[in-house]
PDB file of N, CA and C in Angstrom:
ATOM      1  N   MET A   1     121.409 138.071 124.471  1.00  0.00           N
ATOM      2  CA  MET A   1     120.802 137.979 125.833  1.00  0.00           C
ATOM      3  C   MET A   1     120.055 139.403 125.980  1.00  0.00           C
ATOM      4  N   LEU A   2     120.580 140.592 125.338  1.00  0.00           N
ATOM      5  CA  LEU A   2     120.079 141.789 125.223  1.00  0.00           C
ATOM      6  C   LEU A   2     118.570 141.663 124.656  1.00  0.00           C
ATOM      7  N   ALA A   3     118.137 141.018 123.582  1.00  0.00           N
ATOM      8  CA  ALA A   3     117.176 140.918 123.067  1.00  0.00           C
ATOM      9  C   ALA A   3     116.137 140.296 124.087  1.00  0.00           C
ATOM     10  N   THR A   4     116.472 139.526 124.861  1.00  0.00           N
ATOM     11  CA  THR A   4     115.618 138.733 125.889  1.00  0.00           C
ATOM     12  C   THR A   4     115.287 139.522 127.074  1.00  0.00           C
ATOM     13  N   THR A   5     115.764 140.520 127.081  1.00  0.00           N
ATOM     14  CA  THR A   5     115.671 141.546 128.462  1.00  0.00           C
ATOM     15  C   THR A   5     114.846 142.942 128.156  1.00  0.00           C
ATOM     16  N   VAL A   6     114.826 143.317 126.780  1.00  0.00           N
ATOM     17  CA  VAL A   6     114.350 144.536 126.482  1.00  0.00           C
ATOM     18  C   VAL A   6     113.026 144.596 126.261  1.00  0.00           C
ATOM     19  N   ARG A   7     112.273 145.769 126.187  1.00  0.00           N
ATOM     20  CA  ARG A   7     110.666 145.595 126.311  1.00  0.00           C
ATOM     21  C   ARG A   7     110.570 145.689 124.580  1.00  0.00           C
ATOM     22  N   ILE A   8     109.625 144.705 124.272  1.00  0.00           N
ATOM     23  CA  ILE A   8     109.363 144.705 123.100  1.00  0.00           C
ATOM     24  C   ILE A   8     107.862 145.035 122.443  1.00  0.00           C
ATOM     25  N   PRO A   9     107.565 145.397 121.599  1.00  0.00           N
ATOM     26  CA  PRO A   9     106.169 145.837 121.193  1.00  0.00           C
ATOM     27  C   PRO A   9     105.310 144.676 121.134  1.00  0.00           C
ATOM     28  N   ALA A  10     103.897 144.945 120.921  1.00  0.00           N
ATOM     29  CA  ALA A  10     102.948 143.794 121.174  1.00  0.00           C
ATOM     30  C   ALA A  10     103.388 142.855 120.136  1.00  0.00           C
ATOM     31  N   GLU A  11     103.013 141.536 120.242  1.00  0.00           N
ATOM     32  CA  GLU A  11     103.186 140.566 119.328  1.00  0.00           C
ATOM     33  C   GLU A  11     102.799 140.785 117.919  1.00  0.00           C
ATOM     34  N   VAL A  12     103.858 140.695 116.978  1.00  0.00           N
ATOM     35  CA  VAL A  12     103.396 140.777 115.463  1.00  0.00           C
ATOM     36  C   VAL A  12     102.766 139.763 115.067  1.00  0.00           C
ATOM     37  N   GLY A  13     103.471 138.523 115.165  1.00  0.00           N
ATOM     38  CA  GLY A  13     103.284 137.422 114.478  1.00  0.00           C
ATOM     39  C   GLY A  13     102.355 136.327 115.304  1.00  0.00           C
ATOM     40  N   GLY A  14     102.206 136.579 116.374  1.00  0.00           N
ATOM     41  CA  GLY A  14     101.382 135.587 117.360  1.00  0.00           C
ATOM     42  C   GLY A  14     102.221 134.589 117.931  1.00  0.00           C
ATOM     43  N   ALA A  15     101.676 133.784 118.732  1.00  0.00           N
ATOM     44  CA  ALA A  15     102.071 132.936 119.882  1.00  0.00           C
ATOM     45  C   ALA A  15     102.942 131.563 118.891  1.00  0.00           C
ATOM     46  N   ILE A  16     102.311 131.320 117.829  1.00  0.00           N
ATOM     47  CA  ILE A  16     103.169 130.157 117.119  1.00  0.00           C
ATOM     48  C   ILE A  16     104.465 130.447 116.397  1.00  0.00           C
ATOM     49  N   ASN A  17     104.502 131.837 115.923  1.00  0.00           N
ATOM     50  CA  ASN A  17     105.507 132.446 115.458  1.00  0.00           C
ATOM     51  C   ASN A  17     106.840 132.770 116.462  1.00  0.00           C
ATOM     52  N   ASP A  18     106.188 133.097 117.764  1.00  0.00           N
ATOM     53  CA  ASP A  18     107.154 133.149 118.825  1.00  0.00           C
ATOM     54  C   ASP A  18     107.937 131.707 119.255  1.00  0.00           C
ATOM     55  N   LYS A  19     107.072 130.940 119.326  1.00  0.00           N
ATOM     56  CA  LYS A  19     107.729 129.513 119.711  1.00  0.00           C
ATOM     57  C   LYS A  19     108.401 128.840 118.421  1.00  0.00           C
ATOM     58  N   LEU A  20     108.120 129.204 117.167  1.00  0.00           N
ATOM     59  CA  LEU A  20     109.103 128.613 116.326  1.00  0.00           C
ATOM     60  C   LEU A  20     110.339 129.600 115.997  1.00  0.00           C
ATOM     61  N   SER A  21     110.177 130.676 116.628  1.00  0.00           N
ATOM     62  CA  SER A  21     111.591 131.583 116.858  1.00  0.00           C
ATOM     63  C   SER A  21     112.336 131.053 117.710  1.00  0.00           C
ATOM     64  N   HIS A  22     111.820 130.641 119.273  1.00  0.00           N
ATOM     65  CA  HIS A  22     112.581 130.008 119.987  1.00  0.00           C
ATOM     66  C   HIS A  22     113.373 128.623 119.700  1.00  0.00           C
ATOM     67  N   ALA A  23     112.484 127.847 118.925  1.00  0.00           N
ATOM     68  CA  ALA A  23     113.110 126.656 118.496  1.00  0.00           C
ATOM     69  C   ALA A  23     114.119 126.814 117.600  1.00  0.00           C
ATOM     70  N   LEU A  24     113.732 127.571 116.463  1.00  0.00           N
ATOM     71  CA  LEU A  24     114.819 127.825 115.636  1.00  0.00           C
ATOM     72  C   LEU A  24     116.272 128.647 116.063  1.00  0.00           C
ATOM     73  N   THR A  25     115.882 129.351 117.117  1.00  0.00           N
ATOM     74  CA  THR A  25     117.024 130.096 117.818  1.00  0.00           C
ATOM     75  C   THR A  25     117.793 129.033 118.737  1.00  0.00           C
ATOM     76  N   PHE A  26     117.206 128.395 119.246  1.00  0.00           N
ATOM     77  CA  PHE A  26     118.153 127.240 119.860  1.00  0.00           C
ATOM     78  C   PHE A  26     118.525 125.991 119.050  1.00  0.00           C
ATOM     79  N   PHE A  27     118.117 125.855 117.720  1.00  0.00           N
ATOM     80  CA  PHE A  27     118.513 125.211 116.947  1.00  0.00           C
ATOM     81  C   PHE A  27     119.872 125.539 116.460  1.00  0.00           C
ATOM     82  N   LEU A  28     119.731 127.082 115.984  1.00  0.00           N
ATOM     83  CA  LEU A  28     120.948 127.733 115.631  1.00  0.00           C
ATOM     84  C   LEU A  28     122.131 127.776 116.785  1.00  0.00           C
ATOM     85  N   LEU A  29     121.808 127.928 117.962  1.00  0.00           N
ATOM     86  CA  LEU A  29     122.669 127.879 119.010  1.00  0.00           C
ATOM     87  C   LEU A  29     123.233 126.531 119.328  1.00  0.00           C
ATOM     88  N   SER A  30     122.522 125.367 119.268  1.00  0.00           N
ATOM     89  CA  SER A  30     123.091 124.236 119.204  1.00  0.00           C
ATOM     90  C   SER A  30     124.269 123.985 118.189  1.00  0.00           C
ATOM     91  N   LEU A  31     123.763 124.354 116.876  1.00  0.00           N
ATOM     92  CA  LEU A  31     124.626 124.149 116.014  1.00  0.00           C
ATOM     93  C   LEU A  31     125.946 124.762 116.197  1.00  0.00           C
ATOM     94  N   LEU A  32     125.923 126.242 116.685  1.00  0.00           N
ATOM     95  CA  LEU A  32     127.071 127.016 117.046  1.00  0.00           C
ATOM     96  C   LEU A  32     127.907 126.430 118.379  1.00  0.00           C
ATOM     97  N   ALA A  33     127.253 125.789 119.001  1.00  0.00           N
ATOM     98  CA  ALA A  33     127.811 125.305 120.147  1.00  0.00           C
ATOM     99  C   ALA A  33     128.775 124.007 119.727  1.00  0.00           C
ATOM    100  N   ASP A  34     128.125 123.135 119.083  1.00  0.00           N
ATOM    101  CA  ASP A  34     128.634 122.087 118.508  1.00  0.00           C
ATOM    102  C   ASP A  34     129.844 122.240 117.667  1.00  0.00           C
ATOM    103  N   PHE A  35     129.606 123.287 116.844  1.00  0.00           N
ATOM    104  CA  PHE A  35     130.812 123.473 115.911  1.00  0.00           C
ATOM    105  C   PHE A  35     132.013 124.374 116.509  1.00  0.00           C
ATOM    106  N   SER A  36     131.892 124.965 117.693  1.00  0.00           N
ATOM    107  CA  SER A  36     132.700 125.825 118.385  1.00  0.00           C
ATOM    108  C   SER A  36     133.575 124.838 119.335  1.00  0.00           C
ATOM    109  N   PHE A  37     132.896 123.629 119.708  1.00  0.00           N
ATOM    110  CA  PHE A  37     133.648 122.692 120.580  1.00  0.00           C
ATOM    111  C   PHE A  37     133.833 121.418 119.860  1.00  0.00           C
ATOM    112  N   VAL A  38     134.525 121.406 118.709  1.00  0.00           N
ATOM    113  CA  VAL A  38     134.453 120.105 117.942  1.00  0.00           C
ATOM    114  C   VAL A  38     135.009 118.897 118.406  1.00  0.00           C
ATOM    115  N   GLN A  39     135.709 118.906 119.674  1.00  0.00           N
ATOM    116  CA  GLN A  39     136.601 117.999 120.329  1.00  0.00           C
ATOM    117  C   GLN A  39     135.592 117.177 120.791  1.00  0.00           C
ATOM    118  N   SER A  40     134.299 117.441 121.137  1.00  0.00           N
ATOM    119  CA  SER A  40     133.336 116.605 121.929  1.00  0.00           C
ATOM    120  C   SER A  40     132.144 116.558 121.155  1.00  0.00           C
ATOM    121  N   ARG A  41     131.341 115.648 121.201  1.00  0.00           N
ATOM    122  CA  ARG A  41     130.198 115.242 120.433  1.00  0.00           C
ATOM    123  C   ARG A  41     129.079 116.021 121.004  1.00  0.00           C
ATOM    124  N   PHE A  42     127.934 116.350 120.339  1.00  0.00           N
ATOM    125  CA  PHE A  42     126.918 116.975 120.701  1.00  0.00           C
ATOM    126  C   PHE A  42     126.083 116.184 121.752  1.00  0.00           C
ATOM    127  N   GLY A  43     126.361 116.290 123.170  1.00  0.00           N
ATOM    128  CA  GLY A  43     125.562 115.309 123.992  1.00  0.00           C
ATOM    129  C   GLY A  43     124.998 116.087 125.038  1.00  0.00           C
ATOM    130  N   LEU A  44     125.000 115.583 126.173  1.00  0.00           N
ATOM    131  CA  LEU A  44     124.400 115.998 127.267  1.00  0.00           C
ATOM    132  C   LEU A  44     124.924 117.265 127.752  1.00  0.00           C
ATOM    133  N   ALA A  45     126.180 117.584 127.677  1.00  0.00           N
ATOM    134  CA  ALA A  45     126.918 118.544 128.277  1.00  0.00           C
ATOM    135  C   ALA A  45     126.341 119.913 127.679  1.00  0.00           C
ATOM    136  N   LYS A  46     126.613 119.723 126.172  1.00  0.00           N
ATOM    137  CA  LYS A  46     126.173 120.736 125.187  1.00  0.00           C
ATOM    138  C   LYS A  46     124.903 121.398 125.379  1.00  0.00           C
ATOM    139  N   ALA A  47     124.033 120.086 125.116  1.00  0.00           N
ATOM    140  CA  ALA A  47     122.518 120.202 125.191  1.00  0.00           C
ATOM    141  C   ALA A  47     122.074 120.786 126.585  1.00  0.00           C
ATOM    142  N   GLY A  48     122.737 120.346 127.634  1.00  0.00           N
ATOM    143  CA  GLY A  48     122.302 120.826 129.117  1.00  0.00           C
ATOM    144  C   GLY A  48     122.907 122.003 129.346  1.00  0.00           C
ATOM    145  N   ALA A  49     123.923 122.562 128.786  1.00  0.00           N
ATOM    146  CA  ALA A  49     124.230 123.975 129.065  1.00  0.00           C
ATOM    147  C   ALA A  49     123.164 125.153 128.194  1.00  0.00           C
ATOM    148  N   LEU A  50     122.820 124.490 127.088  1.00  0.00           N
ATOM    149  CA  LEU A  50     122.164 125.165 126.026  1.00  0.00           C
ATOM    150  C   LEU A  50     120.787 125.636 126.808  1.00  0.00           C
ATOM    151  N   PHE A  51     120.176 124.195 127.294  1.00  0.00           N
ATOM    152  CA  PHE A  51     118.744 124.378 128.111  1.00  0.00           C
ATOM    153  C   PHE A  51     118.884 125.202 129.269  1.00  0.00           C
ATOM    154  N   ALA A  52     120.090 125.028 130.006  1.00  0.00           N
ATOM    155  CA  ALA A  52     120.244 126.121 131.289  1.00  0.00           C
ATOM    156  C   ALA A  52     120.116 127.370 130.876  1.00  0.00           C
ATOM    157  N   TYR A  53     120.984 127.628 130.009  1.00  0.00           N
ATOM    158  CA  TYR A  53     120.968 128.967 129.290  1.00  0.00           C
ATOM    159  C   TYR A  53     119.702 129.690 129.057  1.00  0.00           C
ATOM    160  N   GLY A  54     118.816 128.864 128.265  1.00  0.00           N
ATOM    161  CA  GLY A  54     117.409 129.271 128.080  1.00  0.00           C
ATOM    162  C   GLY A  54     116.598 129.330 129.402  1.00  0.00           C
ATOM    163  N   ALA A  55     116.681 128.381 130.402  1.00  0.00           N
ATOM    164  CA  ALA A  55     116.269 128.760 131.589  1.00  0.00           C
ATOM    165  C   ALA A  55     116.593 129.852 132.515  1.00  0.00           C
ATOM    166  N   VAL A  56     117.711 130.302 132.473  1.00  0.00           N
ATOM    167  CA  VAL A  56     118.298 131.446 132.998  1.00  0.00           C
ATOM    168  C   VAL A  56     117.531 132.622 132.357  1.00  0.00           C
ATOM    169  N   ILE A  57     117.620 132.666 131.143  1.00  0.00           N
ATOM    170  CA  ILE A  57     116.847 133.812 130.266  1.00  0.00           C
ATOM    171  C   ILE A  57     115.541 133.950 130.877  1.00  0.00           C
ATOM    172  N   GLU A  58     114.807 133.026 130.883  1.00  0.00           N
ATOM    173  CA  GLU A  58     113.369 132.856 131.357  1.00  0.00           C
ATOM    174  C   GLU A  58     113.314 133.231 132.873  1.00  0.00           C
ATOM    175  N   LEU A  59     114.137 132.963 133.796  1.00  0.00           N
ATOM    176  CA  LEU A  59     114.177 133.373 135.310  1.00  0.00           C
ATOM    177  C   LEU A  59     114.720 135.017 135.137  1.00  0.00           C
ATOM    178  N   ILE A  60     115.333 135.364 134.361  1.00  0.00           N
ATOM    179  CA  ILE A  60     115.461 136.649 134.375  1.00  0.00           C
ATOM    180  C   ILE A  60     114.479 137.674 133.720  1.00  0.00           C
ATOM    181  N   GLN A  61     113.563 137.008 132.961  1.00  0.00           N
ATOM    182  CA  GLN A  61     112.475 137.802 132.524  1.00  0.00           C
ATOM    183  C   GLN A  61     111.388 137.624 133.467  1.00  0.00           C
ATOM    184  N   HIS A  62     111.226 136.706 134.378  1.00  0.00           N
ATOM    185  CA  HIS A  62     110.448 136.809 135.327  1.00  0.00           C
ATOM    186  C   HIS A  62     110.717 137.837 136.238  1.00  0.00           C
ATOM    187  N   GLN A  63     111.855 138.274 136.413  1.00  0.00           N
ATOM    188  CA  GLN A  63     112.213 139.522 137.164  1.00  0.00           C
ATOM    189  C   GLN A  63     111.959 140.889 136.785  1.00  0.00           C
ATOM    190  N   LEU A  64     111.558 140.800 135.453  1.00  0.00           N
ATOM    191  CA  LEU A  64     111.323 142.067 134.763  1.00  0.00           C
ATOM    192  C   LEU A  64     110.032 142.463 134.789  1.00  0.00           C
ATOM    193  N   PRO A  65     109.627 143.855 134.922  1.00  0.00           N
ATOM    194  CA  PRO A  65     108.184 144.193 135.104  1.00  0.00           C
ATOM    195  C   PRO A  65     107.492 143.950 133.586  1.00  0.00           C
ATOM    196  N   HIS A  66     108.305 144.143 132.339  1.00  0.00           N
ATOM    197  CA  HIS A  66     107.888 144.163 131.275  1.00  0.00           C
ATOM    198  C   HIS A  66     108.023 142.778 130.441  1.00  0.00           C
ATOM    199  N   ARG A  67     108.543 141.884 131.209  1.00  0.00           N
ATOM    200  CA  ARG A  67     108.476 140.496 130.618  1.00  0.00           C
ATOM    201  C   ARG A  67     108.082 139.486 131.476  1.00  0.00           C
ATOM    202  N   GLU A  68     107.890 138.326 130.978  1.00  0.00           N
ATOM    203  CA  GLU A  68     107.477 137.200 131.904  1.00  0.00           C
ATOM    204  C   GLU A  68     107.997 135.955 131.568  1.00  0.00           C
ATOM    205  N   PHE A  69     108.167 134.777 132.798  1.00  0.00           N
ATOM    206  CA  PHE A  69     108.324 133.642 132.655  1.00  0.00           C
ATOM    207  C   PHE A  69     107.456 132.848 131.774  1.00  0.00           C
ATOM    208  N   ASN A  70     107.771 131.857 130.632  1.00  0.00           N
ATOM    209  CA  ASN A  70     107.036 131.154 130.050  1.00  0.00           C
ATOM    210  C   ASN A  70     107.497 129.957 129.949  1.00  0.00           C
ATOM    211  N   LEU A  71     106.762 128.795 130.417  1.00  0.00           N
ATOM    212  CA  LEU A  71     107.100 127.644 130.489  1.00  0.00           C
ATOM    213  C   LEU A  71     107.146 127.046 128.949  1.00  0.00           C
ATOM    214  N   VAL A  72     106.247 127.260 128.231  1.00  0.00           N
ATOM    215  CA  VAL A  72     106.241 126.896 126.838  1.00  0.00           C
ATOM    216  C   VAL A  72     107.452 127.400 125.906  1.00  0.00           C
ATOM    217  N   ASP A  73     107.824 128.554 126.330  1.00  0.00           N
ATOM    218  CA  ASP A  73     108.979 129.196 125.681  1.00  0.00           C
ATOM    219  C   ASP A  73     110.217 128.314 125.928  1.00  0.00           C
ATOM    220  N   LEU A  74     110.235 127.762 127.125  1.00  0.00           N
ATOM    221  CA  LEU A  74     111.577 126.862 127.575  1.00  0.00           C
ATOM    222  C   LEU A  74     111.245 125.590 126.877  1.00  0.00           C
ATOM    223  N   LEU A  75     110.081 124.867 126.664  1.00  0.00           N
ATOM    224  CA  LEU A  75     109.871 123.905 126.075  1.00  0.00           C
ATOM    225  C   LEU A  75     110.281 123.981 124.464  1.00  0.00           C
ATOM    226  N   ALA A  76     109.976 125.254 123.770  1.00  0.00           N
ATOM    227  CA  ALA A  76     110.164 125.309 122.536  1.00  0.00           C
ATOM    228  C   ALA A  76     111.724 125.560 122.432  1.00  0.00           C
ATOM    229  N   ASN A  77     112.621 125.861 123.287  1.00  0.00           N
ATOM    230  CA  ASN A  77     113.996 126.051 123.409  1.00  0.00           C
ATOM    231  C   ASN A  77     114.430 124.594 123.340  1.00  0.00           C
ATOM    232  N   GLY A  78     113.980 123.694 123.996  1.00  0.00           N
ATOM    233  CA  GLY A  78     114.292 122.377 124.228  1.00  0.00           C
ATOM    234  C   GLY A  78     113.975 121.720 123.018  1.00  0.00           C
ATOM    235  N   ALA A  79     112.863 121.999 122.113  1.00  0.00           N
ATOM    236  CA  ALA A  79     112.654 121.342 120.791  1.00  0.00           C
ATOM    237  C   ALA A  79     113.742 121.864 119.878  1.00  0.00           C
ATOM    238  N   GLY A  80     113.944 123.031 120.084  1.00  0.00           N
ATOM    239  CA  GLY A  80     115.023 123.301 119.043  1.00  0.00           C
ATOM    240  C   GLY A  80     116.565 122.590 119.297  1.00  0.00           C
ATOM    241  N   ILE A  81     116.683 122.318 120.455  1.00  0.00           N
ATOM    242  CA  ILE A  81     118.064 121.652 120.914  1.00  0.00           C
ATOM    243  C   ILE A  81     117.796 120.147 120.504  1.00  0.00           C
ATOM    244  N   PHE A  82     116.594 119.565 120.770  1.00  0.00           N
ATOM    245  CA  PHE A  82     116.349 118.385 120.200  1.00  0.00           C
ATOM    246  C   PHE A  82     116.262 118.170 118.767  1.00  0.00           C
ATOM    247  N   GLY A  83     115.852 119.085 118.167  1.00  0.00           N
ATOM    248  CA  GLY A  83     115.807 119.161 116.469  1.00  0.00           C
ATOM    249  C   GLY A  83     117.038 118.965 116.144  1.00  0.00           C
ATOM    250  N   TYR A  84     118.168 119.858 116.703  1.00  0.00           N
ATOM    251  CA  TYR A  84     119.503 119.911 116.245  1.00  0.00           C
ATOM    252  C   TYR A  84     120.107 118.329 116.261  1.00  0.00           C
ATOM    253  N   TRP A  85     119.730 117.821 117.547  1.00  0.00           N
ATOM    254  CA  TRP A  85     120.481 116.441 117.927  1.00  0.00           C
ATOM    255  C   TRP A  85     119.769 115.495 116.572  1.00  0.00           C
ATOM    256  N   LEU A  86     118.441 115.590 116.429  1.00  0.00           N
ATOM    257  CA  LEU A  86     117.788 114.601 115.608  1.00  0.00           C
ATOM    258  C   LEU A  86     118.422 114.910 114.010  1.00  0.00           C
ATOM    259  N   SER A  87     119.015 116.169 113.839  1.00  0.00           N
ATOM    260  CA  SER A  87     119.509 116.526 112.405  1.00  0.00           C
ATOM    261  C   SER A  87     120.863 116.312 112.005  1.00  0.00           C
ATOM    262  N   ILE A  88     121.586 116.028 113.192  1.00  0.00           N
ATOM    263  CA  ILE A  88     122.999 115.533 112.933  1.00  0.00           C
ATOM    264  C   ILE A  88     123.333 114.488 111.766  1.00  0.00           C
ATOM    265  N   PRO A  89     122.518 113.309 111.881  1.00  0.00           N
ATOM    266  CA  PRO A  89     122.847 112.320 110.672  1.00  0.00           C
ATOM    267  C   PRO A  89     122.571 112.988 109.315  1.00  0.00           C
ATOM    268  N   LEU A  90     121.720 114.053 109.046  1.00  0.00           N
ATOM    269  CA  LEU A  90     121.563 114.551 107.953  1.00  0.00           C
ATOM    270  C   LEU A  90     122.794 115.597 107.623  1.00  0.00           C
ATOM    271  N   LEU A  91     123.072 116.483 108.708  1.00  0.00           N
ATOM    272  CA  LEU A  91     124.018 117.133 108.509  1.00  0.00           C
ATOM    273  C   LEU A  91     125.484 116.721 107.976  1.00  0.00           C
ATOM    274  N   GLN A  92     125.623 115.799 108.772  1.00  0.00           N
ATOM    275  CA  GLN A  92     126.967 114.595 108.444  1.00  0.00           C
ATOM    276  C   GLN A  92     126.970 114.531 106.823  1.00  0.00           C
ATOM    277  N   ARG A  93     125.889 114.493 106.417  1.00  0.00           N
ATOM    278  CA  ARG A  93     126.020 114.021 104.773  1.00  0.00           C
ATOM    279  C   ARG A  93     126.209 115.374 103.967  1.00  0.00           C
ATOM    280  N   LEU A  94     125.781 116.363 104.618  1.00  0.00           N
ATOM    281  CA  LEU A  94     126.167 117.847 103.567  1.00  0.00           C
ATOM    282  C   LEU A  94     127.641 118.135 103.643  1.00  0.00           C
ATOM    283  N   PRO A  95     128.004 118.386 102.379  1.00  0.00           N
ATOM    284  CA  PRO A  95     129.409 118.709 102.095  1.00  0.00           C
ATOM    285  C   PRO A  95     129.669 119.949 102.919  1.00  0.00           C
ATOM    286  N   ARG A  96     129.103 120.846 103.270  1.00  0.00           N
ATOM    287  CA  ARG A  96     129.361 121.985 103.838  1.00  0.00           C
ATOM    288  C   ARG A  96     129.569 121.954 105.135  1.00  0.00           C
ATOM    289  N   PHE A  97     128.903 120.889 105.934  1.00  0.00           N
ATOM    290  CA  PHE A  97     129.016 120.622 107.267  1.00  0.00           C
ATOM    291  C   PHE A  97     129.779 119.206 107.606  1.00  0.00           C
ATOM    292  N   LYS A  98     130.123 118.401 106.633  1.00  0.00           N
ATOM    293  CA  LYS A  98     130.621 117.121 106.698  1.00  0.00           C
ATOM    294  C   LYS A  98     131.974 117.292 107.585  1.00  0.00           C
ATOM    295  N   ARG A  99     132.609 118.022 107.226  1.00  0.00           N
ATOM    296  CA  ARG A  99     134.093 118.495 107.672  1.00  0.00           C
ATOM    297  C   ARG A  99     134.194 118.395 109.482  1.00  0.00           C
ATOM    298  N   ARG A 100     133.113 118.917 109.996  1.00  0.00           N
ATOM    299  CA  ARG A 100     132.935 118.749 111.368  1.00  0.00           C
ATOM    300  C   ARG A 100     133.147 117.414 112.048  1.00  0.00           C
ATOM    301  N   TRP A 101     132.717 116.772 111.264  1.00  0.00           N
ATOM    302  CA  TRP A 101     132.810 115.365 112.002  1.00  0.00           C
ATOM    303  C   TRP A 101     133.920 114.261 111.352  1.00  0.00           C
ATOM    304  N   THR A 102     134.347 114.972 110.180  1.00  0.00           N
ATOM    305  CA  THR A 102     135.680 113.998 109.670  1.00  0.00           C
ATOM    306  C   THR A 102     137.154 114.585 109.885  1.00  0.00           C
ATOM    307  N   GLN A 103     137.078 115.827 110.377  1.00  0.00           N
ATOM    308  CA  GLN A 103     138.487 116.461 110.773  1.00  0.00           C
ATOM    309  C   GLN A 103     139.123 115.802 112.038  1.00  0.00           C
ATOM    310  N   SER A 104     140.478 115.909 111.976  1.00  0.00           N
ATOM    311  CA  SER A 104     141.058 115.498 113.235  1.00  0.00           C
ATOM    312  C   SER A 104     141.067 116.286 114.142  1.00  0.00           C
ATOM    313  N   GLY A 105     140.948 115.883 115.340  1.00  0.00           N
ATOM    314  CA  GLY A 105     140.739 116.665 116.421  1.00  0.00           C
ATOM    315  C   GLY A 105     142.068 116.625 117.286  1.00  0.00           C
ATOM    316  N   PRO A 106     142.033 117.317 118.426  1.00  0.00           N
ATOM    317  CA  PRO A 106     143.429 116.992 119.368  1.00  0.00           C
ATOM    318  C   PRO A 106     143.675 115.735 119.553  1.00  0.00           C
ATOM    319  N   GLY A 107     144.812 115.374 119.536  1.00  0.00           N
ATOM    320  CA  GLY A 107     145.235 113.967 119.764  1.00  0.00           C
ATOM    321  C   GLY A 107     144.933 113.072 118.358  1.00  0.00           C
ATOM    322  N   GLY A 108     144.668 113.851 117.566  1.00  0.00           N
ATOM    323  CA  GLY A 108     144.602 112.757 116.152  1.00  0.00           C
ATOM    324  C   GLY A 108     143.166 111.997 115.859  1.00  0.00           C
ATOM    325  N   GLN A 109     142.466 112.090 116.937  1.00  0.00           N
ATOM    326  CA  GLN A 109     141.027 111.447 117.019  1.00  0.00           C
ATOM    327  C   GLN A 109     140.146 112.034 115.904  1.00  0.00           C
ATOM    328  N   PHE A 110     139.541 111.206 114.977  1.00  0.00           N
ATOM    329  CA  PHE A 110     138.459 111.910 114.156  1.00  0.00           C
ATOM    330  C   PHE A 110     137.206 111.740 114.937  1.00  0.00           C
ATOM    331  N   ARG A 111     136.561 112.913 114.454  1.00  0.00           N
ATOM    332  CA  ARG A 111     135.143 113.008 115.333  1.00  0.00           C
ATOM    333  C   ARG A 111     133.998 113.098 114.042  1.00  0.00           C
TER     334      ARG A 111
END
């Protein structure tokens, strides 16, 4: 949150790098949210909460004199969340991540 509200120097990598950074950040946040709350699948609740978090960040930036609201940033955030959702079948096959979906959760249910 701090990084989204401080003044940053002129763009170093350009607009494409900025949007890729947004998408990768929200891909990682999606993974972290999904692995933090293993008792539920990655669905609308997790994705919606992350998207809302990105929207709140943009709204806060709109109020700051040195930052601005950017709808394309919000779309890039959504692309990262959607990208994570699309990658779940691949991640389920990777030994490092497979356990997230095969461990027994509360009540003995496998996820």
